[in-house]
Amino acid sequence: MFNWIKINDGDHRFVRKNIDDGTPELDDHWFSKIYDEYISEFGLSQLHLKLLNAMKRKAMLECEYIITKNTFKLTEIDIEIAKLESILANNGSGMTIEQSLIHISK
């Protein structure tokens, strides 16, 4: 579980059986293979779906602003950015995954 969390935090060295063997290129390659298998087996998590939907809404608002030049769209874009930041902060709880695991294990 620890390795999976580290990998999802961006440290792909943890895909290795021996942490001292390998290269960053191979780490990225194996992470892609493992993650593709994970997605095909389990699908996207609710967090990822929320994140993708918020990013889509933000992109649509940016397109609408470019087309209409309506400055209110900039305010709506800022609201979507705040929502994205809230989602990225561990679903709005303010704790990282590692902090949550430590709390649960106590």
N, C-alpha and C. Protein backbone atom coordinates (compact mmCIF):
# COMPACT_ATOMS: atom_id res chain seq x y z
N MET A 1 0.82 -1.18 0.00
CA MET A 1 0.00 0.00 0.00
C MET A 1 0.87 1.25 0.00
N PHE A 2 1.94 1.24 0.81
CA PHE A 2 2.84 2.38 0.87
C PHE A 2 3.42 2.69 -0.50
N ASN A 3 3.88 1.63 -1.21
CA ASN A 3 4.46 1.83 -2.54
C ASN A 3 3.44 2.41 -3.51
N TRP A 4 2.19 1.92 -3.46
CA TRP A 4 1.16 2.41 -4.37
C TRP A 4 0.89 3.90 -4.13
N ILE A 5 0.87 4.31 -2.87
CA ILE A 5 0.66 5.73 -2.55
C ILE A 5 1.83 6.56 -3.07
N LYS A 6 3.05 6.09 -2.85
CA LYS A 6 4.24 6.81 -3.33
C LYS A 6 4.22 6.92 -4.85
N ILE A 7 3.84 5.84 -5.52
CA ILE A 7 3.77 5.85 -6.99
C ILE A 7 2.74 6.86 -7.45
N ASN A 8 1.58 6.90 -6.83
CA ASN A 8 0.53 7.84 -7.21
C ASN A 8 0.88 9.28 -6.87
N ASP A 9 1.82 9.47 -5.93
CA ASP A 9 2.32 10.81 -5.63
C ASP A 9 3.38 11.25 -6.63
N GLY A 10 3.75 10.37 -7.56
CA GLY A 10 4.69 10.75 -8.61
C GLY A 10 6.08 10.15 -8.49
N ASP A 11 6.35 9.41 -7.44
CA ASP A 11 7.67 8.80 -7.28
C ASP A 11 7.63 7.39 -7.87
N HIS A 12 7.91 7.29 -9.14
CA HIS A 12 7.78 6.02 -9.86
C HIS A 12 8.89 5.02 -9.54
N ARG A 13 9.87 5.42 -8.73
CA ARG A 13 10.92 4.47 -8.32
C ARG A 13 10.33 3.29 -7.57
N PHE A 14 9.17 3.48 -6.97
CA PHE A 14 8.58 2.44 -6.13
C PHE A 14 7.92 1.33 -6.93
N VAL A 15 8.01 1.36 -8.28
CA VAL A 15 7.54 0.23 -9.08
C VAL A 15 8.60 -0.86 -9.12
N ARG A 16 9.80 -0.52 -8.71
CA ARG A 16 10.92 -1.47 -8.76
C ARG A 16 10.82 -2.50 -7.64
N LYS A 17 11.31 -3.72 -7.94
CA LYS A 17 11.43 -4.73 -6.88
C LYS A 17 12.59 -4.36 -5.96
N ASN A 18 13.69 -3.89 -6.56
CA ASN A 18 14.84 -3.43 -5.80
C ASN A 18 14.99 -1.94 -6.10
N ILE A 19 14.85 -1.10 -5.11
CA ILE A 19 14.82 0.35 -5.30
C ILE A 19 16.11 0.88 -5.93
N ASP A 20 17.23 0.14 -5.81
CA ASP A 20 18.51 0.60 -6.35
C ASP A 20 18.69 0.25 -7.83
N ASP A 21 17.86 -0.65 -8.37
CA ASP A 21 17.99 -1.06 -9.76
C ASP A 21 16.95 -0.33 -10.62
N GLY A 22 17.36 0.07 -11.81
CA GLY A 22 16.41 0.66 -12.75
C GLY A 22 16.76 2.09 -13.13
N THR A 23 15.98 2.62 -14.06
CA THR A 23 16.16 3.99 -14.54
C THR A 23 14.82 4.70 -14.50
N PRO A 24 14.83 6.02 -14.49
CA PRO A 24 13.55 6.75 -14.51
C PRO A 24 12.70 6.42 -15.74
N GLU A 25 13.35 6.16 -16.88
CA GLU A 25 12.59 5.83 -18.10
C GLU A 25 11.86 4.50 -17.94
N LEU A 26 12.57 3.50 -17.40
CA LEU A 26 11.94 2.21 -17.15
C LEU A 26 10.85 2.31 -16.09
N ASP A 27 11.11 3.13 -15.08
CA ASP A 27 10.10 3.33 -14.04
C ASP A 27 8.80 3.87 -14.65
N ASP A 28 8.92 4.87 -15.52
CA ASP A 28 7.74 5.44 -16.17
C ASP A 28 7.04 4.41 -17.05
N HIS A 29 7.84 3.62 -17.76
CA HIS A 29 7.27 2.59 -18.64
C HIS A 29 6.46 1.59 -17.82
N TRP A 30 7.05 1.09 -16.74
CA TRP A 30 6.35 0.08 -15.93
C TRP A 30 5.17 0.67 -15.19
N PHE A 31 5.29 1.93 -14.76
CA PHE A 31 4.14 2.58 -14.12
C PHE A 31 2.97 2.66 -15.10
N SER A 32 3.25 3.02 -16.34
CA SER A 32 2.18 3.11 -17.35
C SER A 32 1.51 1.76 -17.54
N LYS A 33 2.30 0.70 -17.63
CA LYS A 33 1.73 -0.65 -17.79
C LYS A 33 0.87 -1.04 -16.58
N ILE A 34 1.40 -0.81 -15.38
CA ILE A 34 0.66 -1.16 -14.16
C ILE A 34 -0.62 -0.34 -14.06
N TYR A 35 -0.53 0.94 -14.34
CA TYR A 35 -1.70 1.81 -14.20
C TYR A 35 -2.76 1.49 -15.26
N ASP A 36 -2.33 1.15 -16.47
CA ASP A 36 -3.29 0.74 -17.51
C ASP A 36 -4.05 -0.50 -17.07
N GLU A 37 -3.34 -1.46 -16.49
CA GLU A 37 -4.00 -2.67 -15.98
C GLU A 37 -4.96 -2.33 -14.85
N TYR A 38 -4.54 -1.43 -13.97
CA TYR A 38 -5.39 -1.02 -12.86
C TYR A 38 -6.68 -0.37 -13.37
N ILE A 39 -6.56 0.54 -14.34
CA ILE A 39 -7.73 1.23 -14.90
C ILE A 39 -8.65 0.23 -15.60
N SER A 40 -8.09 -0.70 -16.38
CA SER A 40 -8.94 -1.66 -17.07
C SER A 40 -9.63 -2.61 -16.09
N GLU A 41 -8.99 -2.88 -14.94
CA GLU A 41 -9.58 -3.78 -13.95
C GLU A 41 -10.61 -3.07 -13.07
N PHE A 42 -10.27 -1.88 -12.57
CA PHE A 42 -11.10 -1.22 -11.57
C PHE A 42 -11.79 0.05 -12.05
N GLY A 43 -11.34 0.62 -13.17
CA GLY A 43 -11.92 1.88 -13.65
C GLY A 43 -11.34 3.07 -12.89
N LEU A 44 -11.85 4.25 -13.23
CA LEU A 44 -11.40 5.46 -12.57
C LEU A 44 -12.08 5.59 -11.21
N SER A 45 -11.36 6.17 -10.26
CA SER A 45 -11.94 6.40 -8.94
C SER A 45 -12.90 7.59 -9.01
N GLN A 46 -13.72 7.73 -7.99
CA GLN A 46 -14.65 8.86 -7.94
C GLN A 46 -13.89 10.18 -7.92
N LEU A 47 -12.74 10.20 -7.25
CA LEU A 47 -11.94 11.42 -7.20
C LEU A 47 -11.49 11.82 -8.60
N HIS A 48 -11.03 10.85 -9.38
CA HIS A 48 -10.59 11.15 -10.73
C HIS A 48 -11.75 11.63 -11.61
N LEU A 49 -12.91 11.01 -11.43
CA LEU A 49 -14.07 11.43 -12.21
C LEU A 49 -14.48 12.86 -11.86
N LYS A 50 -14.47 13.20 -10.56
CA LYS A 50 -14.79 14.57 -10.15
C LYS A 50 -13.78 15.54 -10.73
N LEU A 51 -12.51 15.15 -10.68
CA LEU A 51 -11.45 16.01 -11.20
C LEU A 51 -11.61 16.24 -12.70
N LEU A 52 -11.85 15.17 -13.44
CA LEU A 52 -12.03 15.31 -14.89
C LEU A 52 -13.25 16.16 -15.24
N ASN A 53 -14.35 15.99 -14.51
CA ASN A 53 -15.54 16.80 -14.77
C ASN A 53 -15.29 18.27 -14.47
N ALA A 54 -14.59 18.56 -13.37
CA ALA A 54 -14.27 19.95 -13.03
C ALA A 54 -13.34 20.57 -14.08
N MET A 55 -12.38 19.80 -14.56
CA MET A 55 -11.47 20.30 -15.60
C MET A 55 -12.23 20.56 -16.91
N LYS A 56 -13.19 19.71 -17.20
CA LYS A 56 -14.00 19.88 -18.41
C LYS A 56 -14.84 21.16 -18.31
N ARG A 57 -15.48 21.37 -17.12
CA ARG A 57 -16.28 22.58 -16.94
C ARG A 57 -15.42 23.83 -17.07
N LYS A 58 -14.20 23.79 -16.50
CA LYS A 58 -13.28 24.93 -16.60
C LYS A 58 -12.90 25.19 -18.05
N ALA A 59 -12.59 24.15 -18.80
CA ALA A 59 -12.22 24.30 -20.21
C ALA A 59 -13.38 24.86 -21.03
N MET A 60 -14.60 24.41 -20.74
CA MET A 60 -15.77 24.92 -21.45
C MET A 60 -15.99 26.40 -21.15
N LEU A 61 -15.79 26.79 -19.90
CA LEU A 61 -15.93 28.20 -19.54
C LEU A 61 -14.87 29.05 -20.23
N GLU A 62 -13.65 28.53 -20.33
CA GLU A 62 -12.58 29.26 -21.02
C GLU A 62 -12.93 29.44 -22.49
N CYS A 63 -13.49 28.41 -23.10
CA CYS A 63 -13.91 28.52 -24.51
C CYS A 63 -15.04 29.53 -24.66
N GLU A 64 -16.01 29.49 -23.74
CA GLU A 64 -17.11 30.45 -23.80
C GLU A 64 -16.60 31.88 -23.63
N TYR A 65 -15.62 32.08 -22.75
CA TYR A 65 -15.06 33.42 -22.58
C TYR A 65 -14.40 33.91 -23.86
N ILE A 66 -13.64 33.04 -24.50
CA ILE A 66 -12.96 33.41 -25.74
C ILE A 66 -13.97 33.78 -26.81
N ILE A 67 -15.06 33.04 -26.89
CA ILE A 67 -16.07 33.28 -27.92
C ILE A 67 -16.88 34.54 -27.62
N THR A 68 -17.32 34.69 -26.35
CA THR A 68 -18.25 35.78 -26.03
C THR A 68 -17.58 37.03 -25.48
N LYS A 69 -16.37 36.91 -24.98
CA LYS A 69 -15.66 38.01 -24.29
C LYS A 69 -16.43 38.53 -23.08
N ASN A 70 -17.32 37.71 -22.53
CA ASN A 70 -18.10 38.04 -21.35
C ASN A 70 -17.18 37.91 -20.13
N THR A 71 -16.89 39.02 -19.45
CA THR A 71 -15.94 38.99 -18.34
C THR A 71 -16.47 38.22 -17.12
N PHE A 72 -17.79 38.01 -17.03
CA PHE A 72 -18.33 37.21 -15.94
C PHE A 72 -17.82 35.77 -16.02
N LYS A 73 -17.49 35.32 -17.22
CA LYS A 73 -16.95 33.97 -17.39
C LYS A 73 -15.63 33.82 -16.64
N LEU A 74 -14.86 34.93 -16.52
CA LEU A 74 -13.60 34.87 -15.77
C LEU A 74 -13.86 34.55 -14.30
N THR A 75 -14.94 35.11 -13.75
CA THR A 75 -15.31 34.81 -12.37
C THR A 75 -15.70 33.34 -12.24
N GLU A 76 -16.47 32.85 -13.20
CA GLU A 76 -16.86 31.43 -13.17
C GLU A 76 -15.63 30.53 -13.31
N ILE A 77 -14.67 30.94 -14.10
CA ILE A 77 -13.42 30.18 -14.25
C ILE A 77 -12.68 30.13 -12.92
N ASP A 78 -12.61 31.28 -12.22
CA ASP A 78 -11.96 31.30 -10.91
C ASP A 78 -12.66 30.38 -9.92
N ILE A 79 -13.98 30.31 -9.99
CA ILE A 79 -14.74 29.42 -9.12
C ILE A 79 -14.39 27.96 -9.43
N GLU A 80 -14.29 27.62 -10.70
CA GLU A 80 -13.92 26.25 -11.08
C GLU A 80 -12.50 25.92 -10.64
N ILE A 81 -11.59 26.89 -10.71
CA ILE A 81 -10.22 26.67 -10.24
C ILE A 81 -10.22 26.38 -8.75
N ALA A 82 -11.04 27.11 -7.98
CA ALA A 82 -11.14 26.87 -6.54
C ALA A 82 -11.71 25.47 -6.28
N LYS A 83 -12.68 25.04 -7.08
CA LYS A 83 -13.22 23.70 -6.93
C LYS A 83 -12.15 22.64 -7.22
N LEU A 84 -11.36 22.88 -8.27
CA LEU A 84 -10.27 21.94 -8.61
C LEU A 84 -9.28 21.83 -7.46
N GLU A 85 -8.91 22.97 -6.89
CA GLU A 85 -7.96 22.95 -5.77
C GLU A 85 -8.54 22.22 -4.57
N SER A 86 -9.84 22.38 -4.35
CA SER A 86 -10.50 21.68 -3.25
C SER A 86 -10.48 20.17 -3.49
N ILE A 87 -10.75 19.75 -4.72
CA ILE A 87 -10.74 18.33 -5.05
C ILE A 87 -9.34 17.76 -4.88
N LEU A 88 -8.33 18.52 -5.32
CA LEU A 88 -6.96 18.05 -5.23
C LEU A 88 -6.46 17.98 -3.79
N ALA A 89 -7.08 18.73 -2.90
CA ALA A 89 -6.69 18.70 -1.48
C ALA A 89 -7.39 17.54 -0.80
N ASN A 90 -7.28 16.35 -1.39
CA ASN A 90 -7.84 15.11 -0.85
C ASN A 90 -9.34 15.22 -0.63
N ASN A 91 -10.02 15.59 -1.69
CA ASN A 91 -11.48 15.65 -1.68
C ASN A 91 -12.03 16.65 -0.68
N GLY A 92 -11.27 17.72 -0.46
CA GLY A 92 -11.75 18.78 0.42
C GLY A 92 -11.53 18.55 1.89
N SER A 93 -10.96 17.41 2.30
CA SER A 93 -10.78 17.15 3.72
C SER A 93 -9.57 17.88 4.28
N GLY A 94 -8.64 18.30 3.42
CA GLY A 94 -7.46 19.02 3.87
C GLY A 94 -6.34 18.13 4.35
N MET A 95 -6.53 16.82 4.34
CA MET A 95 -5.49 15.89 4.76
C MET A 95 -4.98 15.13 3.54
N THR A 96 -3.69 14.83 3.55
CA THR A 96 -3.13 14.02 2.47
C THR A 96 -3.51 12.57 2.70
N ILE A 97 -3.29 11.74 1.71
CA ILE A 97 -3.59 10.31 1.84
C ILE A 97 -2.72 9.70 2.94
N GLU A 98 -1.45 10.09 2.99
CA GLU A 98 -0.56 9.56 4.03
C GLU A 98 -1.05 9.94 5.41
N GLN A 99 -1.49 11.20 5.60
CA GLN A 99 -2.01 11.63 6.90
C GLN A 99 -3.28 10.85 7.24
N SER A 100 -4.11 10.60 6.26
CA SER A 100 -5.34 9.82 6.51
C SER A 100 -5.01 8.40 6.94
N LEU A 101 -4.03 7.77 6.28
CA LEU A 101 -3.64 6.41 6.65
C LEU A 101 -3.06 6.36 8.05
N ILE A 102 -2.25 7.34 8.42
CA ILE A 102 -1.69 7.38 9.76
C ILE A 102 -2.80 7.53 10.79
N HIS A 103 -3.76 8.40 10.49
CA HIS A 103 -4.89 8.61 11.40
C HIS A 103 -5.72 7.34 11.56
N ILE A 104 -5.98 6.65 10.46
CA ILE A 104 -6.77 5.42 10.50
C ILE A 104 -6.04 4.32 11.26
N SER A 105 -4.72 4.25 11.10
CA SER A 105 -3.96 3.16 11.72
C SER A 105 -3.83 3.32 13.23
N LYS A 106 -4.10 4.51 13.77
CA LYS A 106 -3.95 4.73 15.22
C LYS A 106 -5.11 4.22 15.98
